[in-house]
PDB file of all heavy atoms in Angstrom:
ATOM      1  N   GLN A   1      15.645  -3.076   5.054  1.00  0.00           N
ATOM      2  CA  GLN A   1      16.833  -3.470   4.299  1.00  0.00           C
ATOM      3  C   GLN A   1      16.864  -4.975   4.066  1.00  0.00           C
ATOM      4  O   GLN A   1      17.860  -5.653   4.297  1.00  0.00           O
ATOM      5  CB  GLN A   1      18.105  -2.979   4.991  1.00  0.00           C
ATOM      6  CG  GLN A   1      18.163  -1.487   5.076  1.00  0.00           C
ATOM      7  CD  GLN A   1      19.425  -0.970   5.740  1.00  0.00           C
ATOM      8  OE1 GLN A   1      20.306  -1.712   6.110  1.00  0.00           O
ATOM      9  NE2 GLN A   1      19.498   0.337   5.880  1.00  0.00           N
ATOM     10  N   GLU A   2      15.709  -5.479   3.606  1.00  0.00           N
ATOM     11  CA  GLU A   2      15.550  -6.892   3.296  1.00  0.00           C
ATOM     12  C   GLU A   2      14.842  -7.015   1.955  1.00  0.00           C
ATOM     13  O   GLU A   2      14.158  -6.096   1.522  1.00  0.00           O
ATOM     14  CB  GLU A   2      14.700  -7.593   4.361  1.00  0.00           C
ATOM     15  CG  GLU A   2      15.289  -7.577   5.746  1.00  0.00           C
ATOM     16  CD  GLU A   2      14.353  -8.227   6.756  1.00  0.00           C
ATOM     17  OE1 GLU A   2      13.810  -9.298   6.456  1.00  0.00           O
ATOM     18  OE2 GLU A   2      14.167  -7.643   7.836  1.00  0.00           O
ATOM     19  N   ARG A   3      14.995  -8.164   1.313  1.00  0.00           N
ATOM     20  CA  ARG A   3      14.260  -8.445   0.077  1.00  0.00           C
ATOM     21  C   ARG A   3      13.016  -9.223   0.476  1.00  0.00           C
ATOM     22  O   ARG A   3      13.096 -10.391   0.823  1.00  0.00           O
ATOM     23  CB  ARG A   3      15.139  -9.235  -0.874  1.00  0.00           C
ATOM     24  CG  ARG A   3      16.316  -8.388  -1.351  1.00  0.00           C
ATOM     25  CD  ARG A   3      17.165  -9.145  -2.300  1.00  0.00           C
ATOM     26  NE  ARG A   3      16.377  -9.449  -3.493  1.00  0.00           N
ATOM     27  CZ  ARG A   3      16.858 -10.067  -4.544  1.00  0.00           C
ATOM     28  NH1 ARG A   3      18.095 -10.461  -4.572  1.00  0.00           N
ATOM     29  NH2 ARG A   3      16.092 -10.323  -5.587  1.00  0.00           N
ATOM     30  N   LEU A   4      11.875  -8.550   0.450  1.00  0.00           N
ATOM     31  CA  LEU A   4      10.624  -9.136   0.933  1.00  0.00           C
ATOM     32  C   LEU A   4       9.594  -9.243  -0.187  1.00  0.00           C
ATOM     33  O   LEU A   4       9.564  -8.407  -1.095  1.00  0.00           O
ATOM     34  CB  LEU A   4      10.051  -8.293   2.073  1.00  0.00           C
ATOM     35  CG  LEU A   4      10.943  -8.139   3.307  1.00  0.00           C
ATOM     36  CD1 LEU A   4      10.343  -7.118   4.261  1.00  0.00           C
ATOM     37  CD2 LEU A   4      11.130  -9.476   3.991  1.00  0.00           C
ATOM     38  N   TRP A   5       8.731 -10.250  -0.072  1.00  0.00           N
ATOM     39  CA  TRP A   5       7.631 -10.481  -0.993  1.00  0.00           C
ATOM     40  C   TRP A   5       6.333 -10.548  -0.208  1.00  0.00           C
ATOM     41  O   TRP A   5       6.324 -10.962   0.945  1.00  0.00           O
ATOM     42  CB  TRP A   5       7.813 -11.821  -1.711  1.00  0.00           C
ATOM     43  CG  TRP A   5       8.954 -11.843  -2.663  1.00  0.00           C
ATOM     44  CD1 TRP A   5      10.276 -12.007  -2.348  1.00  0.00           C
ATOM     45  CD2 TRP A   5       8.895 -11.694  -4.072  1.00  0.00           C
ATOM     46  NE1 TRP A   5      11.034 -11.985  -3.472  1.00  0.00           N
ATOM     47  CE2 TRP A   5      10.206 -11.800  -4.554  1.00  0.00           C
ATOM     48  CE3 TRP A   5       7.858 -11.499  -4.969  1.00  0.00           C
ATOM     49  CZ2 TRP A   5      10.508 -11.698  -5.911  1.00  0.00           C
ATOM     50  CZ3 TRP A   5       8.170 -11.407  -6.317  1.00  0.00           C
ATOM     51  CH2 TRP A   5       9.473 -11.501  -6.769  1.00  0.00           C
ATOM     52  N   ILE A   6       5.246 -10.204  -0.858  1.00  0.00           N
ATOM     53  CA  ILE A   6       3.937 -10.332  -0.225  1.00  0.00           C
ATOM     54  C   ILE A   6       3.565 -11.808  -0.198  1.00  0.00           C
ATOM     55  O   ILE A   6       3.553 -12.479  -1.232  1.00  0.00           O
ATOM     56  CB  ILE A   6       2.865  -9.522  -0.985  1.00  0.00           C
ATOM     57  CG1 ILE A   6       3.208  -8.035  -0.968  1.00  0.00           C
ATOM     58  CG2 ILE A   6       1.485  -9.770  -0.377  1.00  0.00           C
ATOM     59  CD1 ILE A   6       2.319  -7.185  -1.854  1.00  0.00           C
ATOM     60  N   LYS A   7       3.263 -12.290   0.996  1.00  0.00           N
ATOM     61  CA  LYS A   7       2.853 -13.681   1.161  1.00  0.00           C
ATOM     62  C   LYS A   7       1.331 -13.790   1.237  1.00  0.00           C
ATOM     63  O   LYS A   7       0.719 -14.620   0.586  1.00  0.00           O
ATOM     64  CB  LYS A   7       3.488 -14.243   2.427  1.00  0.00           C
ATOM     65  CG  LYS A   7       3.192 -15.696   2.692  1.00  0.00           C
ATOM     66  CD  LYS A   7       3.929 -16.167   3.943  1.00  0.00           C
ATOM     67  CE  LYS A   7       3.628 -17.620   4.238  1.00  0.00           C
ATOM     68  NZ  LYS A   7       4.345 -18.075   5.431  1.00  0.00           N
ATOM     69  N   ARG A   8       0.724 -12.941   2.070  1.00  0.00           N
ATOM     70  CA  ARG A   8      -0.738 -12.951   2.244  1.00  0.00           C
ATOM     71  C   ARG A   8      -1.225 -11.526   2.481  1.00  0.00           C
ATOM     72  O   ARG A   8      -0.518 -10.697   3.032  1.00  0.00           O
ATOM     73  CB  ARG A   8      -1.129 -13.788   3.454  1.00  0.00           C
ATOM     74  CG  ARG A   8      -0.976 -15.254   3.252  1.00  0.00           C
ATOM     75  CD  ARG A   8      -1.679 -16.024   4.369  1.00  0.00           C
ATOM     76  NE  ARG A   8      -1.543 -17.440   4.148  1.00  0.00           N
ATOM     77  CZ  ARG A   8      -0.618 -18.196   4.735  1.00  0.00           C
ATOM     78  NH1 ARG A   8       0.238 -17.663   5.567  1.00  0.00           N
ATOM     79  NH2 ARG A   8      -0.567 -19.488   4.478  1.00  0.00           N
ATOM     80  N   LEU A   9      -2.488 -11.326   2.127  1.00  0.00           N
ATOM     81  CA  LEU A   9      -3.160 -10.050   2.386  1.00  0.00           C
ATOM     82  C   LEU A   9      -4.409 -10.322   3.205  1.00  0.00           C
ATOM     83  O   LEU A   9      -5.075 -11.340   3.002  1.00  0.00           O
ATOM     84  CB  LEU A   9      -3.547  -9.379   1.066  1.00  0.00           C
ATOM     85  CG  LEU A   9      -2.374  -9.016   0.170  1.00  0.00           C
ATOM     86  CD1 LEU A   9      -2.868  -8.691  -1.226  1.00  0.00           C
ATOM     87  CD2 LEU A   9      -1.587  -7.864   0.749  1.00  0.00           C
ATOM     88  N   HIS A  10      -4.712  -9.396   4.119  1.00  0.00           N
ATOM     89  CA  HIS A  10      -5.874  -9.563   4.990  1.00  0.00           C
ATOM     90  C   HIS A  10      -6.640  -8.244   5.066  1.00  0.00           C
ATOM     91  O   HIS A  10      -6.044  -7.189   5.216  1.00  0.00           O
ATOM     92  CB  HIS A  10      -5.440  -9.941   6.418  1.00  0.00           C
ATOM     93  CG  HIS A  10      -4.478 -11.076   6.469  1.00  0.00           C
ATOM     94  ND1 HIS A  10      -4.853 -12.388   6.467  1.00  0.00           N
ATOM     95  CD2 HIS A  10      -3.119 -11.086   6.516  1.00  0.00           C
ATOM     96  CE1 HIS A  10      -3.789 -13.164   6.524  1.00  0.00           C
ATOM     97  NE2 HIS A  10      -2.718 -12.398   6.550  1.00  0.00           N
ATOM     98  N   ARG A  11      -7.935  -8.328   4.958  1.00  0.00           N
ATOM     99  CA  ARG A  11      -8.827  -7.185   5.177  1.00  0.00           C
ATOM    100  C   ARG A  11      -8.402  -5.912   4.448  1.00  0.00           C
ATOM    101  O   ARG A  11      -8.426  -4.825   5.017  1.00  0.00           O
ATOM    102  CB  ARG A  11      -8.973  -6.910   6.663  1.00  0.00           C
ATOM    103  CG  ARG A  11      -9.550  -8.080   7.413  1.00  0.00           C
ATOM    104  CD  ARG A  11      -9.664  -7.783   8.891  1.00  0.00           C
ATOM    105  NE  ARG A  11     -10.038  -8.986   9.598  1.00  0.00           N
ATOM    106  CZ  ARG A  11     -11.162  -9.129  10.246  1.00  0.00           C
ATOM    107  NH1 ARG A  11     -12.019  -8.147  10.315  1.00  0.00           N
ATOM    108  NH2 ARG A  11     -11.437 -10.256  10.855  1.00  0.00           N
ATOM    109  N   VAL A  12      -8.021  -6.062   3.219  1.00  0.00           N
ATOM    110  CA  VAL A  12      -7.591  -4.909   2.423  1.00  0.00           C
ATOM    111  C   VAL A  12      -8.825  -4.176   1.908  1.00  0.00           C
ATOM    112  O   VAL A  12      -9.752  -4.791   1.387  1.00  0.00           O
ATOM    113  CB  VAL A  12      -6.698  -5.354   1.248  1.00  0.00           C
ATOM    114  CG1 VAL A  12      -6.348  -4.172   0.359  1.00  0.00           C
ATOM    115  CG2 VAL A  12      -5.436  -6.026   1.779  1.00  0.00           C
ATOM    116  N   LYS A  13      -8.802  -2.867   2.086  1.00  0.00           N
ATOM    117  CA  LYS A  13      -9.904  -2.021   1.617  1.00  0.00           C
ATOM    118  C   LYS A  13      -9.331  -0.883   0.779  1.00  0.00           C
ATOM    119  O   LYS A  13      -8.406  -0.192   1.198  1.00  0.00           O
ATOM    120  CB  LYS A  13     -10.673  -1.438   2.801  1.00  0.00           C
ATOM    121  CG  LYS A  13     -11.381  -2.492   3.621  1.00  0.00           C
ATOM    122  CD  LYS A  13     -12.142  -1.874   4.746  1.00  0.00           C
ATOM    123  CE  LYS A  13     -12.793  -2.980   5.584  1.00  0.00           C
ATOM    124  NZ  LYS A  13     -13.485  -2.431   6.733  1.00  0.00           N
ATOM    125  N   PHE A  14      -9.902  -0.699  -0.397  1.00  0.00           N
ATOM    126  CA  PHE A  14      -9.540   0.410  -1.274  1.00  0.00           C
ATOM    127  C   PHE A  14     -10.664   1.431  -1.179  1.00  0.00           C
ATOM    128  O   PHE A  14     -11.809   1.118  -1.475  1.00  0.00           O
ATOM    129  CB  PHE A  14      -9.346  -0.083  -2.713  1.00  0.00           C
ATOM    130  CG  PHE A  14      -8.228  -1.072  -2.832  1.00  0.00           C
ATOM    131  CD1 PHE A  14      -8.487  -2.434  -2.854  1.00  0.00           C
ATOM    132  CD2 PHE A  14      -6.914  -0.645  -2.898  1.00  0.00           C
ATOM    133  CE1 PHE A  14      -7.467  -3.355  -2.953  1.00  0.00           C
ATOM    134  CE2 PHE A  14      -5.874  -1.559  -2.990  1.00  0.00           C
ATOM    135  CZ  PHE A  14      -6.155  -2.916  -3.013  1.00  0.00           C
ATOM    136  N   LYS A  15     -10.319   2.642  -0.776  1.00  0.00           N
ATOM    137  CA  LYS A  15     -11.346   3.636  -0.467  1.00  0.00           C
ATOM    138  C   LYS A  15     -11.336   4.857  -1.378  1.00  0.00           C
ATOM    139  O   LYS A  15     -12.283   5.640  -1.351  1.00  0.00           O
ATOM    140  CB  LYS A  15     -11.176   4.094   0.983  1.00  0.00           C
ATOM    141  CG  LYS A  15     -11.311   2.946   1.967  1.00  0.00           C
ATOM    142  CD  LYS A  15     -11.112   3.427   3.372  1.00  0.00           C
ATOM    143  CE  LYS A  15     -11.252   2.251   4.333  1.00  0.00           C
ATOM    144  NZ  LYS A  15     -11.090   2.669   5.714  1.00  0.00           N
ATOM    145  N   ARG A  16     -10.268   5.027  -2.135  1.00  0.00           N
ATOM    146  CA  ARG A  16     -10.146   6.228  -2.946  1.00  0.00           C
ATOM    147  C   ARG A  16      -9.325   5.923  -4.190  1.00  0.00           C
ATOM    148  O   ARG A  16      -8.348   5.187  -4.122  1.00  0.00           O
ATOM    149  CB  ARG A  16      -9.458   7.326  -2.145  1.00  0.00           C
ATOM    150  CG  ARG A  16      -9.327   8.629  -2.865  1.00  0.00           C
ATOM    151  CD  ARG A  16      -8.456   9.613  -2.056  1.00  0.00           C
ATOM    152  NE  ARG A  16      -8.356  10.866  -2.729  1.00  0.00           N
ATOM    153  CZ  ARG A  16      -7.584  11.103  -3.783  1.00  0.00           C
ATOM    154  NH1 ARG A  16      -6.834  10.150  -4.286  1.00  0.00           N
ATOM    155  NH2 ARG A  16      -7.549  12.295  -4.338  1.00  0.00           N
ATOM    156  N   ILE A  17      -9.685   6.507  -5.307  1.00  0.00           N
ATOM    157  CA  ILE A  17      -8.922   6.373  -6.553  1.00  0.00           C
ATOM    158  C   ILE A  17      -7.658   7.225  -6.456  1.00  0.00           C
ATOM    159  O   ILE A  17      -7.688   8.347  -5.945  1.00  0.00           O
ATOM    160  CB  ILE A  17      -9.793   6.803  -7.749  1.00  0.00           C
ATOM    161  CG1 ILE A  17     -10.912   5.780  -7.964  1.00  0.00           C
ATOM    162  CG2 ILE A  17      -8.967   6.985  -9.002  1.00  0.00           C
ATOM    163  CD1 ILE A  17     -11.902   6.170  -9.028  1.00  0.00           C
ATOM    164  N   VAL A  18      -6.547   6.686  -6.980  1.00  0.00           N
ATOM    165  CA  VAL A  18      -5.279   7.415  -7.026  1.00  0.00           C
ATOM    166  C   VAL A  18      -5.012   7.810  -8.476  1.00  0.00           C
ATOM    167  O   VAL A  18      -5.030   6.975  -9.377  1.00  0.00           O
ATOM    168  CB  VAL A  18      -4.110   6.553  -6.497  1.00  0.00           C
ATOM    169  CG1 VAL A  18      -2.787   7.302  -6.625  1.00  0.00           C
ATOM    170  CG2 VAL A  18      -4.365   6.154  -5.044  1.00  0.00           C
ATOM    171  N   ARG A  19      -4.773   9.093  -8.671  1.00  0.00           N
ATOM    172  CA  ARG A  19      -4.526   9.657  -9.999  1.00  0.00           C
ATOM    173  C   ARG A  19      -3.022   9.923 -10.183  1.00  0.00           C
ATOM    174  O   ARG A  19      -2.281  10.039  -9.213  1.00  0.00           O
ATOM    175  CB  ARG A  19      -5.287  10.974 -10.170  1.00  0.00           C
ATOM    176  CG  ARG A  19      -6.783  10.850 -10.010  1.00  0.00           C
ATOM    177  CD  ARG A  19      -7.397  10.262 -11.216  1.00  0.00           C
ATOM    178  NE  ARG A  19      -8.856  10.185 -11.051  1.00  0.00           N
ATOM    179  CZ  ARG A  19      -9.607   9.474 -11.832  1.00  0.00           C
ATOM    180  NH1 ARG A  19      -9.101   8.807 -12.831  1.00  0.00           N
ATOM    181  NH2 ARG A  19     -10.910   9.423 -11.622  1.00  0.00           N
ATOM    182  N   PRO A  20      -2.573  10.064 -11.435  1.00  0.00           N
ATOM    183  CA  PRO A  20      -1.170  10.373 -11.691  1.00  0.00           C
ATOM    184  C   PRO A  20      -0.718  11.636 -10.965  1.00  0.00           C
ATOM    185  O   PRO A  20      -1.453  12.624 -10.895  1.00  0.00           O
ATOM    186  CB  PRO A  20      -1.127  10.585 -13.208  1.00  0.00           C
ATOM    187  CG  PRO A  20      -2.296   9.830 -13.734  1.00  0.00           C
ATOM    188  CD  PRO A  20      -3.353   9.919 -12.668  1.00  0.00           C
ATOM    189  N   GLY A  21       0.477  11.579 -10.384  1.00  0.00           N
ATOM    190  CA  GLY A  21       1.076  12.746  -9.742  1.00  0.00           C
ATOM    191  C   GLY A  21       0.628  13.014  -8.319  1.00  0.00           C
ATOM    192  O   GLY A  21       1.130  13.946  -7.690  1.00  0.00           O
ATOM    193  N   GLU A  22      -0.285  12.245  -7.784  1.00  0.00           N
ATOM    194  CA  GLU A  22      -0.749  12.489  -6.416  1.00  0.00           C
ATOM    195  C   GLU A  22       0.290  12.025  -5.400  1.00  0.00           C
ATOM    196  O   GLU A  22       0.922  10.992  -5.572  1.00  0.00           O
ATOM    197  CB  GLU A  22      -2.080  11.783  -6.152  1.00  0.00           C
ATOM    198  CG  GLU A  22      -3.220  12.396  -6.906  1.00  0.00           C
ATOM    199  CD  GLU A  22      -4.563  11.793  -6.556  1.00  0.00           C
ATOM    200  OE1 GLU A  22      -4.624  10.663  -6.025  1.00  0.00           O
ATOM    201  OE2 GLU A  22      -5.575  12.477  -6.808  1.00  0.00           O
ATOM    202  N   ARG A  23       0.427  12.806  -4.337  1.00  0.00           N
ATOM    203  CA  ARG A  23       1.343  12.449  -3.252  1.00  0.00           C
ATOM    204  C   ARG A  23       0.644  11.498  -2.295  1.00  0.00           C
ATOM    205  O   ARG A  23      -0.489  11.750  -1.872  1.00  0.00           O
ATOM    206  CB  ARG A  23       1.792  13.692  -2.489  1.00  0.00           C
ATOM    207  CG  ARG A  23       2.917  13.384  -1.509  1.00  0.00           C
ATOM    208  CD  ARG A  23       3.209  14.521  -0.573  1.00  0.00           C
ATOM    209  NE  ARG A  23       2.159  14.495   0.440  1.00  0.00           N
ATOM    210  CZ  ARG A  23       1.523  15.563   0.907  1.00  0.00           C
ATOM    211  NH1 ARG A  23       1.811  16.749   0.463  1.00  0.00           N
ATOM    212  NH2 ARG A  23       0.595  15.445   1.815  1.00  0.00           N
ATOM    213  N   LEU A  24       1.311  10.409  -1.965  1.00  0.00           N
ATOM    214  CA  LEU A  24       0.749   9.402  -1.076  1.00  0.00           C
ATOM    215  C   LEU A  24       1.610   9.278   0.179  1.00  0.00           C
ATOM    216  O   LEU A  24       2.836   9.261   0.097  1.00  0.00           O
ATOM    217  CB  LEU A  24       0.683   8.046  -1.776  1.00  0.00           C
ATOM    218  CG  LEU A  24      -0.119   8.004  -3.073  1.00  0.00           C
ATOM    219  CD1 LEU A  24       0.030   6.649  -3.740  1.00  0.00           C
ATOM    220  CD2 LEU A  24      -1.584   8.325  -2.809  1.00  0.00           C
ATOM    221  N   ASP A  25       0.956   9.203   1.316  1.00  0.00           N
ATOM    222  CA  ASP A  25       1.639   8.941   2.575  1.00  0.00           C
ATOM    223  C   ASP A  25       1.377   7.491   2.942  1.00  0.00           C
ATOM    224  O   ASP A  25       0.228   7.041   2.944  1.00  0.00           O
ATOM    225  CB  ASP A  25       1.138   9.889   3.673  1.00  0.00           C
ATOM    226  CG  ASP A  25       1.529  11.323   3.392  1.00  0.00           C
ATOM    227  OD1 ASP A  25       2.729  11.574   3.175  1.00  0.00           O
ATOM    228  OD2 ASP A  25       0.644  12.190   3.373  1.00  0.00           O
ATOM    229  N   ILE A  26       2.445   6.771   3.241  1.00  0.00           N
ATOM    230  CA  ILE A  26       2.361   5.344   3.537  1.00  0.00           C
ATOM    231  C   ILE A  26       2.781   5.132   4.987  1.00  0.00           C
ATOM    232  O   ILE A  26       3.842   5.599   5.407  1.00  0.00           O
ATOM    233  CB  ILE A  26       3.276   4.538   2.596  1.00  0.00           C
ATOM    234  CG1 ILE A  26       2.871   4.803   1.138  1.00  0.00           C
ATOM    235  CG2 ILE A  26       3.246   3.056   2.937  1.00  0.00           C
ATOM    236  CD1 ILE A  26       3.890   4.346   0.123  1.00  0.00           C
ATOM    237  N   PHE A  27       1.940   4.435   5.729  1.00  0.00           N
ATOM    238  CA  PHE A  27       2.215   4.112   7.129  1.00  0.00           C
ATOM    239  C   PHE A  27       2.154   2.595   7.282  1.00  0.00           C
ATOM    240  O   PHE A  27       1.219   1.969   6.810  1.00  0.00           O
ATOM    241  CB  PHE A  27       1.167   4.745   8.052  1.00  0.00           C
ATOM    242  CG  PHE A  27       1.008   6.225   7.857  1.00  0.00           C
ATOM    243  CD1 PHE A  27       0.047   6.724   6.980  1.00  0.00           C
ATOM    244  CD2 PHE A  27       1.815   7.116   8.534  1.00  0.00           C
ATOM    245  CE1 PHE A  27      -0.108   8.078   6.784  1.00  0.00           C
ATOM    246  CE2 PHE A  27       1.672   8.487   8.343  1.00  0.00           C
ATOM    247  CZ  PHE A  27       0.718   8.966   7.482  1.00  0.00           C
ATOM    248  N   ALA A  28       3.143   2.019   7.950  1.00  0.00           N
ATOM    249  CA  ALA A  28       3.148   0.573   8.199  1.00  0.00           C
ATOM    250  C   ALA A  28       3.672   0.331   9.607  1.00  0.00           C
ATOM    251  O   ALA A  28       4.554   1.047  10.080  1.00  0.00           O
ATOM    252  CB  ALA A  28       4.013  -0.156   7.182  1.00  0.00           C
ATOM    253  N   ALA A  29       3.125  -0.676  10.262  1.00  0.00           N
ATOM    254  CA  ALA A  29       3.555  -1.034  11.616  1.00  0.00           C
ATOM    255  C   ALA A  29       3.631  -2.548  11.721  1.00  0.00           C
ATOM    256  O   ALA A  29       2.685  -3.252  11.346  1.00  0.00           O
ATOM    257  CB  ALA A  29       2.584  -0.482  12.655  1.00  0.00           C
TER     258      ALA A  29
END
């Protein structure tokens, strides 16, 4: 419940293409 912006990214890896309509599960810690 905050207004946040991305400041920095580290070790980001893209492993799979995302197509229209696909369900995505997002996990953050």
